[in-house]
Every structure is written in structure tokens, then in C-alpha cells.
Amino acid sequence: MIEIDDRDAPLQLFGAKLRLLRKEKGLSQEKLAELCSLDRTYIGGVERGERNIGLINILRISTALGISPKELFDE
């Protein structure tokens, strides 16, 4: 389980989960960004919990990872 103690914890937890799933799939941030039609710096910002990601981008990322959007929120 990933533990974060911060007021931005939901963003950081989501980002940590995204990083974990991306690495499990053997993808770099650059490759995932390419598959999602997003910028690599955007993916990095999401993974660091710096961005409040929107629904459309959650769907793009889950599709690129070959998972359901729900899996990005599972602990």
C-alpha cells in the first residue's frame, strides 16, 4: 500500500498508482504519453501529484494501459 501524508494526498495517491501500473506494463512516461496523445510532462506531473487530472485523460490513460479506469483508483 502507498502512504502519503499531505493535503494533496488524493492526487499523489493517484499519481503513485499510475506510476506503478505504467512500470508494470514496462512503459516509459514518454511511451505512455505517446499512446495517450498527451505530453510526457503532463504524465510526469500527474505521477508527481501536481496535476488534477480530468476524466477524458483518465480514460485515455486507462485505455493506453489496457485497464479499466477503476483500476487507477484501486488501492
N, C-alpha and C. Protein backbone atom coordinates (compact mmCIF):
# COMPACT_ATOMS: atom_id res chain seq x y z
N MET A 1 0.83 -1.18 0.00
CA MET A 1 0.00 0.00 0.00
C MET A 1 0.88 1.25 0.00
N ILE A 2 0.46 2.26 -0.70
CA ILE A 2 1.20 3.51 -0.82
C ILE A 2 0.65 4.49 0.20
N GLU A 3 1.55 5.06 1.02
CA GLU A 3 1.10 6.01 2.04
C GLU A 3 1.61 7.41 1.72
N ILE A 4 0.73 8.37 1.74
CA ILE A 4 1.06 9.77 1.52
C ILE A 4 0.38 10.57 2.63
N ASP A 5 1.11 11.46 3.27
CA ASP A 5 0.53 12.29 4.32
C ASP A 5 0.63 13.75 3.90
N ASP A 6 -0.40 14.23 3.18
CA ASP A 6 -0.36 15.58 2.63
C ASP A 6 -1.78 16.00 2.27
N ARG A 7 -2.01 17.29 2.18
CA ARG A 7 -3.36 17.74 1.82
C ARG A 7 -3.70 17.41 0.38
N ASP A 8 -2.69 17.17 -0.45
CA ASP A 8 -2.90 16.77 -1.84
C ASP A 8 -2.82 15.25 -1.99
N ALA A 9 -3.09 14.55 -0.91
CA ALA A 9 -2.95 13.09 -0.90
C ALA A 9 -3.70 12.39 -2.03
N PRO A 10 -4.95 12.77 -2.35
CA PRO A 10 -5.63 12.06 -3.44
C PRO A 10 -4.88 12.17 -4.77
N LEU A 11 -4.32 13.32 -5.06
CA LEU A 11 -3.57 13.49 -6.30
C LEU A 11 -2.29 12.67 -6.27
N GLN A 12 -1.63 12.66 -5.13
CA GLN A 12 -0.38 11.92 -5.00
C GLN A 12 -0.62 10.41 -5.03
N LEU A 13 -1.69 9.97 -4.40
CA LEU A 13 -2.01 8.54 -4.44
C LEU A 13 -2.35 8.09 -5.85
N PHE A 14 -3.14 8.91 -6.57
CA PHE A 14 -3.47 8.58 -7.94
C PHE A 14 -2.20 8.52 -8.79
N GLY A 15 -1.34 9.50 -8.62
CA GLY A 15 -0.09 9.53 -9.38
C GLY A 15 0.81 8.35 -9.09
N ALA A 16 0.89 7.97 -7.82
CA ALA A 16 1.72 6.82 -7.44
C ALA A 16 1.15 5.54 -8.05
N LYS A 17 -0.17 5.43 -8.07
CA LYS A 17 -0.80 4.25 -8.66
C LYS A 17 -0.54 4.22 -10.17
N LEU A 18 -0.66 5.37 -10.82
CA LEU A 18 -0.38 5.45 -12.25
C LEU A 18 1.06 5.03 -12.54
N ARG A 19 2.00 5.54 -11.76
CA ARG A 19 3.41 5.19 -11.95
C ARG A 19 3.62 3.68 -11.80
N LEU A 20 3.02 3.10 -10.78
CA LEU A 20 3.15 1.67 -10.54
C LEU A 20 2.61 0.87 -11.73
N LEU A 21 1.41 1.21 -12.20
CA LEU A 21 0.81 0.48 -13.32
C LEU A 21 1.62 0.68 -14.61
N ARG A 22 2.10 1.90 -14.83
CA ARG A 22 2.91 2.17 -16.02
C ARG A 22 4.17 1.32 -16.02
N LYS A 23 4.84 1.27 -14.87
CA LYS A 23 6.07 0.48 -14.77
C LYS A 23 5.80 -1.01 -14.91
N GLU A 24 4.66 -1.48 -14.36
CA GLU A 24 4.29 -2.89 -14.50
C GLU A 24 4.13 -3.27 -15.97
N LYS A 25 3.67 -2.31 -16.78
CA LYS A 25 3.48 -2.54 -18.21
C LYS A 25 4.77 -2.33 -19.00
N GLY A 26 5.84 -1.92 -18.30
CA GLY A 26 7.12 -1.71 -18.95
C GLY A 26 7.17 -0.50 -19.85
N LEU A 27 6.37 0.53 -19.53
CA LEU A 27 6.29 1.73 -20.35
C LEU A 27 7.04 2.89 -19.70
N SER A 28 7.72 3.66 -20.52
CA SER A 28 8.30 4.91 -20.06
C SER A 28 7.19 5.96 -20.03
N GLN A 29 7.45 7.07 -19.35
CA GLN A 29 6.48 8.17 -19.38
C GLN A 29 6.27 8.64 -20.81
N GLU A 30 7.35 8.69 -21.56
CA GLU A 30 7.27 9.16 -22.95
C GLU A 30 6.40 8.23 -23.80
N LYS A 31 6.56 6.93 -23.65
CA LYS A 31 5.77 5.98 -24.44
C LYS A 31 4.30 6.03 -24.04
N LEU A 32 4.03 6.10 -22.74
CA LEU A 32 2.64 6.20 -22.29
C LEU A 32 2.01 7.47 -22.84
N ALA A 33 2.73 8.57 -22.75
CA ALA A 33 2.21 9.84 -23.26
C ALA A 33 1.89 9.73 -24.75
N GLU A 34 2.76 9.09 -25.49
CA GLU A 34 2.53 8.90 -26.92
C GLU A 34 1.26 8.09 -27.17
N LEU A 35 1.10 7.01 -26.42
CA LEU A 35 -0.08 6.16 -26.57
C LEU A 35 -1.38 6.89 -26.22
N CYS A 36 -1.29 7.87 -25.33
CA CYS A 36 -2.47 8.63 -24.86
C CYS A 36 -2.69 9.91 -25.64
N SER A 37 -1.76 10.26 -26.51
CA SER A 37 -1.78 11.56 -27.19
C SER A 37 -1.73 12.71 -26.18
N LEU A 38 -0.88 12.53 -25.16
CA LEU A 38 -0.65 13.56 -24.15
C LEU A 38 0.84 13.87 -24.12
N ASP A 39 1.20 14.96 -23.48
CA ASP A 39 2.60 15.34 -23.37
C ASP A 39 3.27 14.57 -22.23
N ARG A 40 4.54 14.22 -22.42
CA ARG A 40 5.27 13.50 -21.38
C ARG A 40 5.33 14.29 -20.08
N THR A 41 5.44 15.62 -20.17
CA THR A 41 5.50 16.43 -18.96
C THR A 41 4.17 16.39 -18.21
N TYR A 42 3.06 16.21 -18.94
CA TYR A 42 1.74 16.07 -18.30
C TYR A 42 1.69 14.77 -17.49
N ILE A 43 2.15 13.68 -18.11
CA ILE A 43 2.16 12.38 -17.41
C ILE A 43 3.04 12.49 -16.16
N GLY A 44 4.20 13.12 -16.28
CA GLY A 44 5.09 13.30 -15.12
C GLY A 44 4.42 14.11 -14.02
N GLY A 45 3.71 15.16 -14.40
CA GLY A 45 3.00 15.98 -13.42
C GLY A 45 1.91 15.23 -12.71
N VAL A 46 1.20 14.37 -13.44
CA VAL A 46 0.16 13.54 -12.83
C VAL A 46 0.80 12.57 -11.84
N GLU A 47 1.88 11.93 -12.26
CA GLU A 47 2.54 10.96 -11.39
C GLU A 47 3.10 11.59 -10.12
N ARG A 48 3.50 12.84 -10.19
CA ARG A 48 4.02 13.54 -9.00
C ARG A 48 2.91 14.16 -8.16
N GLY A 49 1.67 14.05 -8.60
CA GLY A 49 0.54 14.61 -7.86
C GLY A 49 0.42 16.11 -8.01
N GLU A 50 0.98 16.65 -9.07
CA GLU A 50 0.97 18.09 -9.30
C GLU A 50 -0.21 18.54 -10.17
N ARG A 51 -0.87 17.59 -10.80
CA ARG A 51 -1.98 17.92 -11.71
C ARG A 51 -3.26 17.26 -11.24
N ASN A 52 -4.35 17.98 -11.37
CA ASN A 52 -5.67 17.44 -11.07
C ASN A 52 -6.25 16.97 -12.40
N ILE A 53 -6.05 15.70 -12.70
CA ILE A 53 -6.36 15.12 -14.00
C ILE A 53 -7.87 15.07 -14.25
N GLY A 54 -8.26 15.29 -15.49
CA GLY A 54 -9.67 15.26 -15.89
C GLY A 54 -10.11 13.88 -16.35
N LEU A 55 -11.40 13.70 -16.44
CA LEU A 55 -11.98 12.41 -16.80
C LEU A 55 -11.53 11.93 -18.17
N ILE A 56 -11.52 12.80 -19.16
CA ILE A 56 -11.11 12.38 -20.51
C ILE A 56 -9.70 11.83 -20.50
N ASN A 57 -8.80 12.48 -19.76
CA ASN A 57 -7.43 11.99 -19.70
C ASN A 57 -7.30 10.71 -18.89
N ILE A 58 -8.13 10.53 -17.89
CA ILE A 58 -8.16 9.25 -17.16
C ILE A 58 -8.55 8.14 -18.12
N LEU A 59 -9.54 8.40 -18.95
CA LEU A 59 -9.98 7.39 -19.93
C LEU A 59 -8.88 7.12 -20.96
N ARG A 60 -8.20 8.14 -21.42
CA ARG A 60 -7.11 7.95 -22.38
C ARG A 60 -6.00 7.09 -21.77
N ILE A 61 -5.63 7.40 -20.54
CA ILE A 61 -4.55 6.67 -19.89
C ILE A 61 -4.94 5.22 -19.61
N SER A 62 -6.15 5.00 -19.11
CA SER A 62 -6.55 3.62 -18.83
C SER A 62 -6.62 2.80 -20.12
N THR A 63 -7.08 3.41 -21.20
CA THR A 63 -7.11 2.71 -22.49
C THR A 63 -5.70 2.37 -22.95
N ALA A 64 -4.78 3.31 -22.83
CA ALA A 64 -3.39 3.07 -23.24
C ALA A 64 -2.74 1.97 -22.40
N LEU A 65 -3.12 1.88 -21.13
CA LEU A 65 -2.57 0.84 -20.25
C LEU A 65 -3.30 -0.49 -20.40
N GLY A 66 -4.43 -0.49 -21.10
CA GLY A 66 -5.22 -1.71 -21.27
C GLY A 66 -5.91 -2.14 -20.01
N ILE A 67 -6.35 -1.17 -19.21
CA ILE A 67 -7.02 -1.46 -17.94
C ILE A 67 -8.32 -0.68 -17.88
N SER A 68 -9.16 -0.99 -16.90
CA SER A 68 -10.37 -0.20 -16.69
C SER A 68 -10.00 1.04 -15.89
N PRO A 69 -10.72 2.14 -16.06
CA PRO A 69 -10.44 3.34 -15.28
C PRO A 69 -10.47 3.06 -13.78
N LYS A 70 -11.34 2.15 -13.35
CA LYS A 70 -11.45 1.80 -11.94
C LYS A 70 -10.11 1.34 -11.35
N GLU A 71 -9.32 0.65 -12.14
CA GLU A 71 -8.04 0.13 -11.64
C GLU A 71 -7.07 1.25 -11.25
N LEU A 72 -7.24 2.43 -11.82
CA LEU A 72 -6.39 3.54 -11.44
C LEU A 72 -6.72 4.06 -10.04
N PHE A 73 -7.89 3.69 -9.54
CA PHE A 73 -8.33 4.16 -8.22
C PHE A 73 -8.27 3.07 -7.15
N ASP A 74 -8.02 1.82 -7.56
CA ASP A 74 -7.94 0.73 -6.57
C ASP A 74 -6.70 0.90 -5.71
N GLU A 75 -6.84 0.60 -4.43
CA GLU A 75 -5.68 0.68 -3.52
C GLU A 75 -4.92 -0.62 -3.54
